[in-house]
Amino acid sequence: MMNKLKTMMGRMHRDEKGADLVEYVLIIAAIALPVLGIVIWFKDEIGEWIGESYDEVKDGEGGTDPR
């Protein structure tokens, strides 16, 4: 029983198929989590900015002349 467990643990230790995927997930998380934190921190300001931009577009104050 102990030899079988030791053999299985040795195989898992040598198997590196999932290592690249784990690294990619960690890199994405290292980028996404701070961005998410910034968005949550500045959510009111971002909402105001988007609302003002929407109002400008809706009212036709986009700054470009369609003619």
N, C-alpha and C. Protein backbone atom coordinates (compact mmCIF):
# COMPACT_ATOMS: atom_id res chain seq x y z
N MET A 1 0.83 -1.20 0.00
CA MET A 1 0.00 0.00 0.00
C MET A 1 0.87 1.26 0.00
N MET A 2 1.90 1.27 0.81
CA MET A 2 2.77 2.43 0.92
C MET A 2 3.55 2.65 -0.37
N ASN A 3 4.00 1.56 -0.99
CA ASN A 3 4.74 1.69 -2.25
C ASN A 3 3.85 2.25 -3.35
N LYS A 4 2.58 1.81 -3.38
CA LYS A 4 1.64 2.30 -4.38
C LYS A 4 1.42 3.81 -4.21
N LEU A 5 1.24 4.24 -2.98
CA LEU A 5 1.06 5.66 -2.69
C LEU A 5 2.30 6.47 -3.07
N LYS A 6 3.45 5.92 -2.75
CA LYS A 6 4.71 6.59 -3.08
C LYS A 6 4.87 6.72 -4.59
N THR A 7 4.49 5.66 -5.34
CA THR A 7 4.57 5.69 -6.80
C THR A 7 3.63 6.74 -7.38
N MET A 8 2.40 6.80 -6.86
CA MET A 8 1.43 7.78 -7.34
C MET A 8 1.91 9.20 -7.06
N MET A 9 2.46 9.44 -5.89
CA MET A 9 2.95 10.78 -5.54
C MET A 9 4.12 11.18 -6.43
N GLY A 10 4.98 10.22 -6.75
CA GLY A 10 6.11 10.49 -7.66
C GLY A 10 5.64 10.86 -9.04
N ARG A 11 4.59 10.17 -9.54
CA ARG A 11 4.05 10.50 -10.87
C ARG A 11 3.42 11.89 -10.87
N MET A 12 2.69 12.21 -9.82
CA MET A 12 2.06 13.53 -9.77
C MET A 12 3.11 14.63 -9.70
N HIS A 13 4.19 14.36 -9.02
CA HIS A 13 5.25 15.35 -8.88
C HIS A 13 5.93 15.61 -10.23
N ARG A 14 6.08 14.58 -11.04
CA ARG A 14 6.74 14.73 -12.34
C ARG A 14 5.80 15.26 -13.42
N ASP A 15 4.49 15.16 -13.22
CA ASP A 15 3.52 15.58 -14.22
C ASP A 15 3.40 17.11 -14.19
N GLU A 16 3.69 17.75 -15.32
CA GLU A 16 3.66 19.22 -15.38
C GLU A 16 2.64 19.72 -16.39
N LYS A 17 1.66 18.91 -16.75
CA LYS A 17 0.67 19.31 -17.75
C LYS A 17 -0.13 20.54 -17.32
N GLY A 18 -0.51 20.61 -16.07
CA GLY A 18 -1.34 21.71 -15.60
C GLY A 18 -0.56 22.91 -15.11
N ALA A 19 0.75 22.84 -15.10
CA ALA A 19 1.56 23.93 -14.54
C ALA A 19 1.41 25.21 -15.36
N ASP A 20 1.38 25.09 -16.68
CA ASP A 20 1.24 26.28 -17.52
C ASP A 20 -0.10 26.95 -17.29
N LEU A 21 -1.16 26.16 -17.20
CA LEU A 21 -2.49 26.71 -16.97
C LEU A 21 -2.55 27.45 -15.64
N VAL A 22 -1.96 26.88 -14.62
CA VAL A 22 -1.95 27.53 -13.30
C VAL A 22 -1.20 28.85 -13.38
N GLU A 23 -0.09 28.88 -14.09
CA GLU A 23 0.67 30.12 -14.23
C GLU A 23 -0.14 31.18 -14.97
N TYR A 24 -0.84 30.80 -16.03
CA TYR A 24 -1.66 31.75 -16.77
C TYR A 24 -2.78 32.30 -15.89
N VAL A 25 -3.41 31.45 -15.12
CA VAL A 25 -4.48 31.89 -14.23
C VAL A 25 -3.95 32.86 -13.19
N LEU A 26 -2.77 32.58 -12.65
CA LEU A 26 -2.19 33.48 -11.65
C LEU A 26 -1.83 34.83 -12.25
N ILE A 27 -1.33 34.84 -13.49
CA ILE A 27 -1.00 36.10 -14.16
C ILE A 27 -2.26 36.91 -14.41
N ILE A 28 -3.30 36.25 -14.90
CA ILE A 28 -4.57 36.95 -15.16
C ILE A 28 -5.15 37.50 -13.86
N ALA A 29 -5.08 36.72 -12.79
CA ALA A 29 -5.59 37.18 -11.50
C ALA A 29 -4.76 38.36 -10.98
N ALA A 30 -3.46 38.33 -11.20
CA ALA A 30 -2.60 39.43 -10.73
C ALA A 30 -2.91 40.73 -11.46
N ILE A 31 -3.45 40.63 -12.66
CA ILE A 31 -3.82 41.83 -13.42
C ILE A 31 -5.27 42.22 -13.10
N ALA A 32 -6.17 41.24 -13.07
CA ALA A 32 -7.59 41.52 -12.94
C ALA A 32 -7.98 42.02 -11.55
N LEU A 33 -7.40 41.49 -10.51
CA LEU A 33 -7.80 41.88 -9.16
C LEU A 33 -7.51 43.35 -8.85
N PRO A 34 -6.33 43.88 -9.18
CA PRO A 34 -6.13 45.32 -8.94
C PRO A 34 -7.05 46.20 -9.79
N VAL A 35 -7.30 45.78 -11.02
CA VAL A 35 -8.22 46.56 -11.88
C VAL A 35 -9.63 46.55 -11.27
N LEU A 36 -10.06 45.40 -10.80
CA LEU A 36 -11.37 45.30 -10.16
C LEU A 36 -11.42 46.18 -8.92
N GLY A 37 -10.35 46.19 -8.15
CA GLY A 37 -10.30 47.05 -6.97
C GLY A 37 -10.40 48.53 -7.32
N ILE A 38 -9.73 48.94 -8.37
CA ILE A 38 -9.78 50.34 -8.81
C ILE A 38 -11.18 50.70 -9.27
N VAL A 39 -11.82 49.81 -10.02
CA VAL A 39 -13.18 50.07 -10.49
C VAL A 39 -14.14 50.19 -9.31
N ILE A 40 -14.00 49.32 -8.32
CA ILE A 40 -14.87 49.40 -7.15
C ILE A 40 -14.59 50.68 -6.36
N TRP A 41 -13.34 51.05 -6.23
CA TRP A 41 -12.96 52.24 -5.45
C TRP A 41 -13.52 53.52 -6.10
N PHE A 42 -13.46 53.60 -7.44
CA PHE A 42 -13.88 54.79 -8.16
C PHE A 42 -15.22 54.62 -8.87
N LYS A 43 -16.09 53.74 -8.37
CA LYS A 43 -17.33 53.43 -9.07
C LYS A 43 -18.24 54.66 -9.21
N ASP A 44 -18.28 55.52 -8.21
CA ASP A 44 -19.14 56.71 -8.31
C ASP A 44 -18.63 57.67 -9.38
N GLU A 45 -17.33 57.91 -9.40
CA GLU A 45 -16.75 58.80 -10.40
C GLU A 45 -16.90 58.24 -11.81
N ILE A 46 -16.72 56.93 -11.94
CA ILE A 46 -16.88 56.29 -13.26
C ILE A 46 -18.33 56.41 -13.70
N GLY A 47 -19.27 56.20 -12.79
CA GLY A 47 -20.69 56.33 -13.11
C GLY A 47 -21.04 57.74 -13.56
N GLU A 48 -20.51 58.74 -12.87
CA GLU A 48 -20.76 60.13 -13.26
C GLU A 48 -20.18 60.42 -14.64
N TRP A 49 -18.97 59.95 -14.89
CA TRP A 49 -18.31 60.18 -16.17
C TRP A 49 -19.10 59.54 -17.32
N ILE A 50 -19.56 58.32 -17.11
CA ILE A 50 -20.33 57.64 -18.15
C ILE A 50 -21.68 58.34 -18.33
N GLY A 51 -22.30 58.77 -17.25
CA GLY A 51 -23.57 59.49 -17.35
C GLY A 51 -23.43 60.79 -18.10
N GLU A 52 -22.36 61.55 -17.83
CA GLU A 52 -22.13 62.81 -18.54
C GLU A 52 -21.87 62.56 -20.02
N SER A 53 -21.09 61.53 -20.32
CA SER A 53 -20.81 61.21 -21.71
C SER A 53 -22.09 60.80 -22.44
N TYR A 54 -22.94 60.03 -21.77
CA TYR A 54 -24.20 59.61 -22.37
C TYR A 54 -25.09 60.82 -22.64
N ASP A 55 -25.16 61.74 -21.68
CA ASP A 55 -25.98 62.93 -21.86
C ASP A 55 -25.47 63.77 -23.02
N GLU A 56 -24.15 63.90 -23.18
CA GLU A 56 -23.59 64.66 -24.29
C GLU A 56 -23.95 64.03 -25.63
N VAL A 57 -23.86 62.74 -25.71
CA VAL A 57 -24.18 62.04 -26.95
C VAL A 57 -25.68 62.15 -27.24
N LYS A 58 -26.50 61.99 -26.20
CA LYS A 58 -27.95 62.05 -26.36
C LYS A 58 -28.39 63.46 -26.80
N ASP A 59 -27.76 64.49 -26.25
CA ASP A 59 -28.13 65.88 -26.57
C ASP A 59 -27.47 66.38 -27.84
N GLY A 60 -26.60 65.61 -28.42
CA GLY A 60 -25.94 66.01 -29.66
C GLY A 60 -24.75 66.91 -29.46
N GLU A 61 -24.15 66.90 -28.31
CA GLU A 61 -22.98 67.73 -28.03
C GLU A 61 -21.69 66.95 -28.17
N GLY A 62 -21.64 66.04 -29.12
CA GLY A 62 -20.48 65.18 -29.28
C GLY A 62 -19.24 65.90 -29.77
N GLY A 63 -19.40 67.09 -30.29
CA GLY A 63 -18.24 67.85 -30.73
C GLY A 63 -17.92 67.68 -32.20
N THR A 64 -18.59 66.81 -32.90
CA THR A 64 -18.36 66.64 -34.34
C THR A 64 -19.60 67.10 -35.10
N ASP A 65 -19.35 67.73 -36.20
CA ASP A 65 -20.44 68.24 -37.04
C ASP A 65 -20.79 67.18 -38.09
N PRO A 66 -22.03 66.69 -38.09
CA PRO A 66 -22.38 65.63 -39.03
C PRO A 66 -22.46 66.09 -40.48
N ARG A 67 -22.40 67.39 -40.76
CA ARG A 67 -22.50 67.89 -42.13
C ARG A 67 -21.26 67.68 -42.89
